[in-house]
Amino acid sequence: MKKWLLSLLILIQPALANEESELYTITIGETTFNIPTPKGMIRITPEMIEPYLYAEQMNAQDSGNQYYANYVNLNALIQGKEQNCSISTSKKAIHLQMSAAQIKELKHIFETQFSSLLNSSEFIKEIEEIEQNRINVNPETTGMQFLGTKIISIDKIFEDNNSYFFLVKKSTTVRELDKIQTEYEVSTGGMFVVNNKLLNLACFAEADEQGEQWVKETLLDWQKNIVQSNQQNLLEKAWQRLVSSIAKDN
């Protein structure tokens, strides 16, 4: 994806100069959220035809989640690397108002599942299907033969009363003509609850020291900024309701 995505993004870069400072509005059920752009990234929009279609095709492989936005690090692409993030929610949770008990139960599921995922053939099969589909829809990997994926490690990186995030390291092996090559990827992901709604974040990078640090810092910083942006939004709405109530009483 790097070549055609990079060439297109460079062409439209001037129009996106202020993207990082802008908030993108999404609606989950009946709740509206202001989503800040992850630091140093730009949101992939329908005007970026090929990157947008690629992101949509990738999102479609994950039938259990509803995706709202995908982001890419343009500076990393210029350096020949891919770094991207996405925000989504479980389709089952779109109209659900998460209670404290439900949040606790969901976090418990995360904790207990991850202890066994490394040895789960079902989980490996699911990851391999995603990787196979990624190769199939990527214009730059046409003709490659998928040989397999290995989960190297899964580790928790952050947890509090409303969130749970983890880091995954994996390798993917492919054959192109007579050459076999293995690529290593590191990603962060997980869940958090804002205004009683479940949100999922994920960030991906190549698995070197810089990539691992980047996915951790970018995801946790983004999560913090989303919470802050929507706490402010909640306070503003409460203030507006109070002013409206006072006006009616008078």
C-alpha atoms as a PDB file:
ATOM      1  CA  MET A   1       0.000   0.000   0.000  1.00  0.00           C
ATOM      2  CA  LYS A   2       2.895   2.360   0.655  1.00  0.00           C
ATOM      3  CA  LYS A   3       3.634   3.552  -2.899  1.00  0.00           C
ATOM      4  CA  TRP A   4       0.189   4.511  -4.139  1.00  0.00           C
ATOM      5  CA  LEU A   5      -0.988   5.754  -0.748  1.00  0.00           C
ATOM      6  CA  LEU A   6       2.098   7.901  -0.290  1.00  0.00           C
ATOM      7  CA  SER A   7       1.887   9.442  -3.773  1.00  0.00           C
ATOM      8  CA  LEU A   8      -1.773  10.333  -3.293  1.00  0.00           C
ATOM      9  CA  LEU A   9      -1.350  11.766   0.191  1.00  0.00           C
ATOM     10  CA  ILE A  10       1.557  13.958  -0.903  1.00  0.00           C
ATOM     11  CA  LEU A  11      -0.677  15.454  -3.613  1.00  0.00           C
ATOM     12  CA  ILE A  12      -3.395  16.389  -1.118  1.00  0.00           C
ATOM     13  CA  GLN A  13      -1.167  17.251   1.845  1.00  0.00           C
ATOM     14  CA  PRO A  14      -1.719  21.053   1.633  1.00  0.00           C
ATOM     15  CA  ALA A  15      -5.473  20.583   1.992  1.00  0.00           C
ATOM     16  CA  LEU A  16      -4.943  18.488   5.113  1.00  0.00           C
ATOM     17  CA  ALA A  17      -2.552  20.799   6.929  1.00  0.00           C
ATOM     18  CA  ASN A  18      -5.078  21.607   9.659  1.00  0.00           C
ATOM     19  CA  GLU A  19      -6.576  18.129  10.001  1.00  0.00           C
ATOM     20  CA  GLU A  20      -4.694  17.261  13.192  1.00  0.00           C
ATOM     21  CA  SER A  21      -6.262  20.108  15.166  1.00  0.00           C
ATOM     22  CA  GLU A  22      -9.835  19.344  14.055  1.00  0.00           C
ATOM     23  CA  LEU A  23     -12.456  17.190  15.778  1.00  0.00           C
ATOM     24  CA  TYR A  24     -14.343  14.557  13.810  1.00  0.00           C
ATOM     25  CA  THR A  25     -17.918  13.892  14.958  1.00  0.00           C
ATOM     26  CA  ILE A  26     -19.281  10.355  15.127  1.00  0.00           C
ATOM     27  CA  THR A  27     -22.578   9.012  16.462  1.00  0.00           C
ATOM     28  CA  ILE A  28     -22.891   5.710  18.331  1.00  0.00           C
ATOM     29  CA  GLY A  29     -26.528   4.879  18.923  1.00  0.00           C
ATOM     30  CA  GLU A  30     -27.983   8.159  20.117  1.00  0.00           C
ATOM     31  CA  THR A  31     -24.715   9.526  21.519  1.00  0.00           C
ATOM     32  CA  THR A  32     -22.470  11.965  19.642  1.00  0.00           C
ATOM     33  CA  PHE A  33     -18.706  12.022  20.186  1.00  0.00           C
ATOM     34  CA  ASN A  34     -15.984  14.487  19.214  1.00  0.00           C
ATOM     35  CA  ILE A  35     -12.960  12.491  18.047  1.00  0.00           C
ATOM     36  CA  PRO A  36      -9.596  14.306  17.971  1.00  0.00           C
ATOM     37  CA  THR A  37      -7.048  13.168  15.407  1.00  0.00           C
ATOM     38  CA  PRO A  38      -4.212  11.044  16.816  1.00  0.00           C
ATOM     39  CA  LYS A  39      -1.020  13.057  17.155  1.00  0.00           C
ATOM     40  CA  GLY A  40       0.876  13.403  13.872  1.00  0.00           C
ATOM     41  CA  MET A  41      -1.802  11.656  11.799  1.00  0.00           C
ATOM     42  CA  ILE A  42      -4.472  12.504   9.229  1.00  0.00           C
ATOM     43  CA  ARG A  43      -7.904  10.953   8.758  1.00  0.00           C
ATOM     44  CA  ILE A  44      -8.483   8.957   5.574  1.00  0.00           C
ATOM     45  CA  THR A  45     -11.468  10.553   3.815  1.00  0.00           C
ATOM     46  CA  PRO A  46     -13.573   9.541   0.770  1.00  0.00           C
ATOM     47  CA  GLU A  47     -11.651  12.116  -1.322  1.00  0.00           C
ATOM     48  CA  MET A  48      -8.582   9.839  -0.994  1.00  0.00           C
ATOM     49  CA  ILE A  49     -10.223   7.309  -3.275  1.00  0.00           C
ATOM     50  CA  GLU A  50      -7.783   4.374  -3.271  1.00  0.00           C
ATOM     51  CA  PRO A  51      -6.677   4.593   0.381  1.00  0.00           C
ATOM     52  CA  TYR A  52     -10.305   5.034   1.451  1.00  0.00           C
ATOM     53  CA  LEU A  53     -11.492   1.998  -0.524  1.00  0.00           C
ATOM     54  CA  TYR A  54      -8.611  -0.063   0.857  1.00  0.00           C
ATOM     55  CA  ALA A  55      -9.487   0.932   4.435  1.00  0.00           C
ATOM     56  CA  GLU A  56     -13.170   0.159   3.807  1.00  0.00           C
ATOM     57  CA  GLN A  57     -12.293  -3.282   2.410  1.00  0.00           C
ATOM     58  CA  MET A  58     -10.114  -4.013   5.438  1.00  0.00           C
ATOM     59  CA  ASN A  59     -12.817  -2.856   7.853  1.00  0.00           C
ATOM     60  CA  ALA A  60     -15.333  -5.118   6.112  1.00  0.00           C
ATOM     61  CA  GLN A  61     -13.242  -8.164   7.068  1.00  0.00           C
ATOM     62  CA  ASP A  62     -14.127  -7.484  10.714  1.00  0.00           C
ATOM     63  CA  SER A  63     -17.849  -8.176  10.606  1.00  0.00           C
ATOM     64  CA  GLY A  64     -18.356  -7.877  14.373  1.00  0.00           C
ATOM     65  CA  ASN A  65     -17.312  -4.224  14.632  1.00  0.00           C
ATOM     66  CA  GLN A  66     -18.555  -0.930  13.210  1.00  0.00           C
ATOM     67  CA  TYR A  67     -15.659   1.316  12.089  1.00  0.00           C
ATOM     68  CA  TYR A  68     -15.968   5.096  12.241  1.00  0.00           C
ATOM     69  CA  ALA A  69     -12.576   6.470  11.152  1.00  0.00           C
ATOM     70  CA  ASN A  70      -9.146   5.371   9.948  1.00  0.00           C
ATOM     71  CA  TYR A  71      -5.953   7.413  10.304  1.00  0.00           C
ATOM     72  CA  VAL A  72      -2.482   7.267   8.770  1.00  0.00           C
ATOM     73  CA  ASN A  73       0.859   8.805   9.744  1.00  0.00           C
ATOM     74  CA  LEU A  74       1.988  10.722   6.660  1.00  0.00           C
ATOM     75  CA  ASN A  75       5.503  11.408   7.976  1.00  0.00           C
ATOM     76  CA  ALA A  76       6.040   7.684   8.547  1.00  0.00           C
ATOM     77  CA  LEU A  77       4.942   6.945   4.975  1.00  0.00           C
ATOM     78  CA  ILE A  78       7.453   9.458   3.668  1.00  0.00           C
ATOM     79  CA  GLN A  79      10.102   7.462   5.556  1.00  0.00           C
ATOM     80  CA  GLY A  80       8.868   4.218   3.972  1.00  0.00           C
ATOM     81  CA  LYS A  81       6.929   2.929   6.993  1.00  0.00           C
ATOM     82  CA  GLU A  82       3.263   2.264   7.671  1.00  0.00           C
ATOM     83  CA  GLN A  83       1.684   3.506  10.882  1.00  0.00           C
ATOM     84  CA  ASN A  84      -2.105   3.652  11.145  1.00  0.00           C
ATOM     85  CA  CYS A  85      -4.940   3.764  13.675  1.00  0.00           C
ATOM     86  CA  SER A  86      -8.687   3.171  13.726  1.00  0.00           C
ATOM     87  CA  ILE A  87     -11.687   3.710  15.974  1.00  0.00           C
ATOM     88  CA  SER A  88     -14.652   1.343  16.125  1.00  0.00           C
ATOM     89  CA  THR A  89     -17.208  -0.255  18.413  1.00  0.00           C
ATOM     90  CA  SER A  90     -18.821  -3.668  18.693  1.00  0.00           C
ATOM     91  CA  LYS A  91     -22.013  -3.792  16.642  1.00  0.00           C
ATOM     92  CA  LYS A  92     -23.675  -5.502  19.613  1.00  0.00           C
ATOM     93  CA  ALA A  93     -22.870  -2.474  21.808  1.00  0.00           C
ATOM     94  CA  ILE A  94     -24.032   0.350  19.513  1.00  0.00           C
ATOM     95  CA  HIS A  95     -27.317   0.872  21.379  1.00  0.00           C
ATOM     96  CA  LEU A  96     -26.040  -0.323  24.751  1.00  0.00           C
ATOM     97  CA  GLN A  97     -25.529   2.013  27.706  1.00  0.00           C
ATOM     98  CA  MET A  98     -22.621   0.406  29.590  1.00  0.00           C
ATOM     99  CA  SER A  99     -23.119   0.077  33.335  1.00  0.00           C
ATOM    100  CA  ALA A 100     -20.281  -0.239  35.843  1.00  0.00           C
ATOM    101  CA  ALA A 101     -21.060  -3.953  36.223  1.00  0.00           C
ATOM    102  CA  GLN A 102     -20.962  -4.508  32.456  1.00  0.00           C
ATOM    103  CA  ILE A 103     -17.637  -2.671  32.151  1.00  0.00           C
ATOM    104  CA  LYS A 104     -16.171  -4.841  34.906  1.00  0.00           C
ATOM    105  CA  GLU A 105     -17.453  -8.006  33.218  1.00  0.00           C
ATOM    106  CA  LEU A 106     -16.070  -6.978  29.816  1.00  0.00           C
ATOM    107  CA  LYS A 107     -12.648  -6.235  31.303  1.00  0.00           C
ATOM    108  CA  HIS A 108     -12.696  -9.640  32.999  1.00  0.00           C
ATOM    109  CA  ILE A 109     -13.394 -11.282  29.629  1.00  0.00           C
ATOM    110  CA  PHE A 110     -10.424  -9.434  28.098  1.00  0.00           C
ATOM    111  CA  GLU A 111      -8.148 -10.501  30.944  1.00  0.00           C
ATOM    112  CA  THR A 112      -9.121 -14.167  30.905  1.00  0.00           C
ATOM    113  CA  GLN A 113      -9.152 -14.501  27.108  1.00  0.00           C
ATOM    114  CA  PHE A 114      -5.683 -13.098  26.555  1.00  0.00           C
ATOM    115  CA  SER A 115      -4.095 -15.600  28.909  1.00  0.00           C
ATOM    116  CA  SER A 116      -4.992 -18.373  26.459  1.00  0.00           C
ATOM    117  CA  LEU A 117      -4.920 -16.684  23.039  1.00  0.00           C
ATOM    118  CA  LEU A 118      -1.305 -17.561  22.246  1.00  0.00           C
ATOM    119  CA  ASN A 119      -2.251 -21.257  22.220  1.00  0.00           C
ATOM    120  CA  SER A 120      -5.683 -20.841  20.647  1.00  0.00           C
ATOM    121  CA  SER A 121      -5.928 -22.446  17.195  1.00  0.00           C
ATOM    122  CA  GLU A 122      -9.260 -20.658  16.645  1.00  0.00           C
ATOM    123  CA  PHE A 123      -7.692 -17.250  17.321  1.00  0.00           C
ATOM    124  CA  ILE A 124      -4.727 -18.017  15.037  1.00  0.00           C
ATOM    125  CA  LYS A 125      -7.130 -19.092  12.287  1.00  0.00           C
ATOM    126  CA  GLU A 126      -9.072 -15.836  12.638  1.00  0.00           C
ATOM    127  CA  ILE A 127      -5.871 -13.774  12.426  1.00  0.00           C
ATOM    128  CA  GLU A 128      -4.691 -15.755   9.391  1.00  0.00           C
ATOM    129  CA  GLU A 129      -7.987 -15.120   7.604  1.00  0.00           C
ATOM    130  CA  ILE A 130      -7.598 -11.377   8.228  1.00  0.00           C
ATOM    131  CA  GLU A 131      -4.017 -11.440   6.917  1.00  0.00           C
ATOM    132  CA  GLN A 132      -5.034 -13.458   3.852  1.00  0.00           C
ATOM    133  CA  ASN A 133      -7.803 -10.954   3.084  1.00  0.00           C
ATOM    134  CA  ARG A 134      -5.402  -8.051   3.636  1.00  0.00           C
ATOM    135  CA  ILE A 135      -3.077  -9.481   0.998  1.00  0.00           C
ATOM    136  CA  ASN A 136      -5.980 -10.106  -1.373  1.00  0.00           C
ATOM    137  CA  VAL A 137      -7.294  -6.517  -1.284  1.00  0.00           C
ATOM    138  CA  ASN A 138      -3.905  -4.753  -1.320  1.00  0.00           C
ATOM    139  CA  PRO A 139      -2.892  -3.694  -4.867  1.00  0.00           C
ATOM    140  CA  GLU A 140       0.788  -3.978  -3.949  1.00  0.00           C
ATOM    141  CA  THR A 141       0.576  -7.604  -2.789  1.00  0.00           C
ATOM    142  CA  THR A 142      -1.139  -9.053  -5.868  1.00  0.00           C
ATOM    143  CA  GLY A 143       0.419 -12.398  -6.677  1.00  0.00           C
ATOM    144  CA  MET A 144       1.767 -13.051  -3.192  1.00  0.00           C
ATOM    145  CA  GLN A 145       1.001 -16.389  -1.550  1.00  0.00           C
ATOM    146  CA  PHE A 146       0.098 -16.274   2.137  1.00  0.00           C
ATOM    147  CA  LEU A 147       2.019 -18.918   4.126  1.00  0.00           C
ATOM    148  CA  GLY A 148       1.051 -18.231   7.710  1.00  0.00           C
ATOM    149  CA  THR A 149       0.896 -15.966  10.771  1.00  0.00           C
ATOM    150  CA  LYS A 150       2.456 -16.422  14.190  1.00  0.00           C
ATOM    151  CA  ILE A 151       1.427 -14.565  17.345  1.00  0.00           C
ATOM    152  CA  ILE A 152       4.663 -13.846  19.191  1.00  0.00           C
ATOM    153  CA  SER A 153       3.323 -12.163  22.320  1.00  0.00           C
ATOM    154  CA  ILE A 154       0.259 -10.485  23.857  1.00  0.00           C
ATOM    155  CA  ASP A 155       0.778  -8.154  26.831  1.00  0.00           C
ATOM    156  CA  LYS A 156      -1.417  -5.750  28.783  1.00  0.00           C
ATOM    157  CA  ILE A 157      -0.121  -2.170  28.612  1.00  0.00           C
ATOM    158  CA  PHE A 158      -2.793  -0.187  30.476  1.00  0.00           C
ATOM    159  CA  GLU A 159      -5.896  -0.713  32.599  1.00  0.00           C
ATOM    160  CA  ASP A 160      -8.159   1.448  34.743  1.00  0.00           C
ATOM    161  CA  ASN A 161     -11.808   1.381  35.817  1.00  0.00           C
ATOM    162  CA  ASN A 162     -13.064   2.188  32.299  1.00  0.00           C
ATOM    163  CA  SER A 163     -10.444   0.769  29.948  1.00  0.00           C
ATOM    164  CA  TYR A 164      -8.226  -2.162  28.995  1.00  0.00           C
ATOM    165  CA  PHE A 165      -5.461  -2.004  26.372  1.00  0.00           C
ATOM    166  CA  PHE A 166      -2.953  -4.561  25.154  1.00  0.00           C
ATOM    167  CA  LEU A 167       0.005  -4.938  22.775  1.00  0.00           C
ATOM    168  CA  VAL A 168       0.370  -7.741  20.207  1.00  0.00           C
ATOM    169  CA  LYS A 169       3.486  -8.764  18.298  1.00  0.00           C
ATOM    170  CA  LYS A 170       3.060 -11.047  15.294  1.00  0.00           C
ATOM    171  CA  SER A 171       4.799 -12.216  12.142  1.00  0.00           C
ATOM    172  CA  THR A 172       3.355 -12.924   8.689  1.00  0.00           C
ATOM    173  CA  THR A 173       5.142 -15.036   6.080  1.00  0.00           C
ATOM    174  CA  VAL A 174       4.432 -14.822   2.343  1.00  0.00           C
ATOM    175  CA  ARG A 175       5.907 -16.159  -0.887  1.00  0.00           C
ATOM    176  CA  GLU A 176       6.440 -13.894  -3.892  1.00  0.00           C
ATOM    177  CA  LEU A 177       7.665 -15.857  -6.919  1.00  0.00           C
ATOM    178  CA  ASP A 178      10.556 -17.907  -5.492  1.00  0.00           C
ATOM    179  CA  LYS A 179      11.228 -15.623  -2.543  1.00  0.00           C
ATOM    180  CA  ILE A 180       9.865 -16.243   0.967  1.00  0.00           C
ATOM    181  CA  GLN A 181       9.764 -13.250   3.294  1.00  0.00           C
ATOM    182  CA  THR A 182       8.528 -12.640   6.828  1.00  0.00           C
ATOM    183  CA  GLU A 183       7.202  -9.300   8.042  1.00  0.00           C
ATOM    184  CA  TYR A 184       6.857  -8.387  11.717  1.00  0.00           C
ATOM    185  CA  GLU A 185       4.100  -6.120  13.046  1.00  0.00           C
ATOM    186  CA  VAL A 186       3.289  -4.634  16.429  1.00  0.00           C
ATOM    187  CA  SER A 187      -0.148  -3.342  17.354  1.00  0.00           C
ATOM    188  CA  THR A 188      -2.023  -1.933  20.296  1.00  0.00           C
ATOM    189  CA  GLY A 189      -5.746  -2.284  20.854  1.00  0.00           C
ATOM    190  CA  GLY A 190      -8.463  -2.542  23.419  1.00  0.00           C
ATOM    191  CA  MET A 191     -11.607  -0.975  24.804  1.00  0.00           C
ATOM    192  CA  PHE A 192     -12.695   1.964  26.921  1.00  0.00           C
ATOM    193  CA  VAL A 193     -15.995   3.493  27.927  1.00  0.00           C
ATOM    194  CA  VAL A 194     -16.898   7.166  27.515  1.00  0.00           C
ATOM    195  CA  ASN A 195     -20.320   8.550  28.409  1.00  0.00           C
ATOM    196  CA  ASN A 196     -21.515   4.942  28.917  1.00  0.00           C
ATOM    197  CA  LYS A 197     -20.563   3.932  25.362  1.00  0.00           C
ATOM    198  CA  LEU A 198     -17.999   1.317  24.355  1.00  0.00           C
ATOM    199  CA  LEU A 199     -15.183   2.451  22.046  1.00  0.00           C
ATOM    200  CA  ASN A 200     -12.393   0.344  20.529  1.00  0.00           C
ATOM    201  CA  LEU A 201      -9.056   1.795  19.438  1.00  0.00           C
ATOM    202  CA  ALA A 202      -6.256   0.130  17.479  1.00  0.00           C
ATOM    203  CA  CYS A 203      -2.856   1.276  16.166  1.00  0.00           C
ATOM    204  CA  PHE A 204      -0.423  -0.652  13.943  1.00  0.00           C
ATOM    205  CA  ALA A 205       3.250  -0.283  12.985  1.00  0.00           C
ATOM    206  CA  GLU A 206       6.228  -2.267  11.818  1.00  0.00           C
ATOM    207  CA  ALA A 207       7.771  -4.215  14.704  1.00  0.00           C
ATOM    208  CA  ASP A 208      10.950  -2.341  15.475  1.00  0.00           C
ATOM    209  CA  GLU A 209      11.817  -0.461  18.671  1.00  0.00           C
ATOM    210  CA  GLN A 210      10.465   2.811  17.330  1.00  0.00           C
ATOM    211  CA  GLY A 211       7.261   1.153  16.115  1.00  0.00           C
ATOM    212  CA  GLU A 212       6.534  -0.449  19.489  1.00  0.00           C
ATOM    213  CA  GLN A 213       7.027   2.836  21.320  1.00  0.00           C
ATOM    214  CA  TRP A 214       4.904   4.648  18.727  1.00  0.00           C
ATOM    215  CA  VAL A 215       1.858   2.347  18.980  1.00  0.00           C
ATOM    216  CA  LYS A 216       1.871   2.516  22.781  1.00  0.00           C
ATOM    217  CA  GLU A 217       2.270   6.279  23.068  1.00  0.00           C
ATOM    218  CA  THR A 218      -0.079   7.119  20.194  1.00  0.00           C
ATOM    219  CA  LEU A 219      -2.935   4.902  21.371  1.00  0.00           C
ATOM    220  CA  LEU A 220      -2.803   5.914  25.042  1.00  0.00           C
ATOM    221  CA  ASP A 221      -2.439   9.618  24.186  1.00  0.00           C
ATOM    222  CA  TRP A 222      -5.345   9.364  21.729  1.00  0.00           C
ATOM    223  CA  GLN A 223      -7.543   7.619  24.304  1.00  0.00           C
ATOM    224  CA  LYS A 224      -6.810  10.338  26.854  1.00  0.00           C
ATOM    225  CA  ASN A 225      -7.626  13.092  24.347  1.00  0.00           C
ATOM    226  CA  ILE A 226     -10.908  11.433  23.355  1.00  0.00           C
ATOM    227  CA  VAL A 227     -11.968  11.213  26.993  1.00  0.00           C
ATOM    228  CA  GLN A 228     -11.040  14.865  27.615  1.00  0.00           C
ATOM    229  CA  SER A 229     -12.788  16.103  24.456  1.00  0.00           C
ATOM    230  CA  ASN A 230     -16.018  14.369  25.353  1.00  0.00           C
ATOM    231  CA  GLN A 231     -15.955  15.228  29.049  1.00  0.00           C
ATOM    232  CA  GLN A 232     -15.872  18.857  27.956  1.00  0.00           C
ATOM    233  CA  ASN A 233     -18.700  18.170  25.520  1.00  0.00           C
ATOM    234  CA  LEU A 234     -20.739  16.610  28.341  1.00  0.00           C
ATOM    235  CA  LEU A 235     -20.129  19.609  30.617  1.00  0.00           C
ATOM    236  CA  GLU A 236     -21.167  22.031  27.872  1.00  0.00           C
ATOM    237  CA  LYS A 237     -24.424  20.136  27.317  1.00  0.00           C
ATOM    238  CA  ALA A 238     -25.133  20.096  31.063  1.00  0.00           C
ATOM    239  CA  TRP A 239     -24.491  23.848  31.226  1.00  0.00           C
ATOM    240  CA  GLN A 240     -26.807  24.444  28.250  1.00  0.00           C
ATOM    241  CA  ARG A 241     -29.575  22.419  29.947  1.00  0.00           C
ATOM    242  CA  LEU A 242     -29.109  24.418  33.151  1.00  0.00           C
ATOM    243  CA  VAL A 243     -29.275  27.768  31.325  1.00  0.00           C
ATOM    244  CA  SER A 244     -32.345  26.619  29.411  1.00  0.00           C
ATOM    245  CA  SER A 245     -34.044  25.508  32.642  1.00  0.00           C
ATOM    246  CA  ILE A 246     -33.328  28.869  34.325  1.00  0.00           C
ATOM    247  CA  ALA A 247     -34.652  30.747  31.297  1.00  0.00           C
ATOM    248  CA  LYS A 248     -37.909  28.751  31.394  1.00  0.00           C
ATOM    249  CA  ASP A 249     -38.373  29.407  35.122  1.00  0.00           C
ATOM    250  CA  ASN A 250     -38.066  33.134  34.472  1.00  0.00           C
END
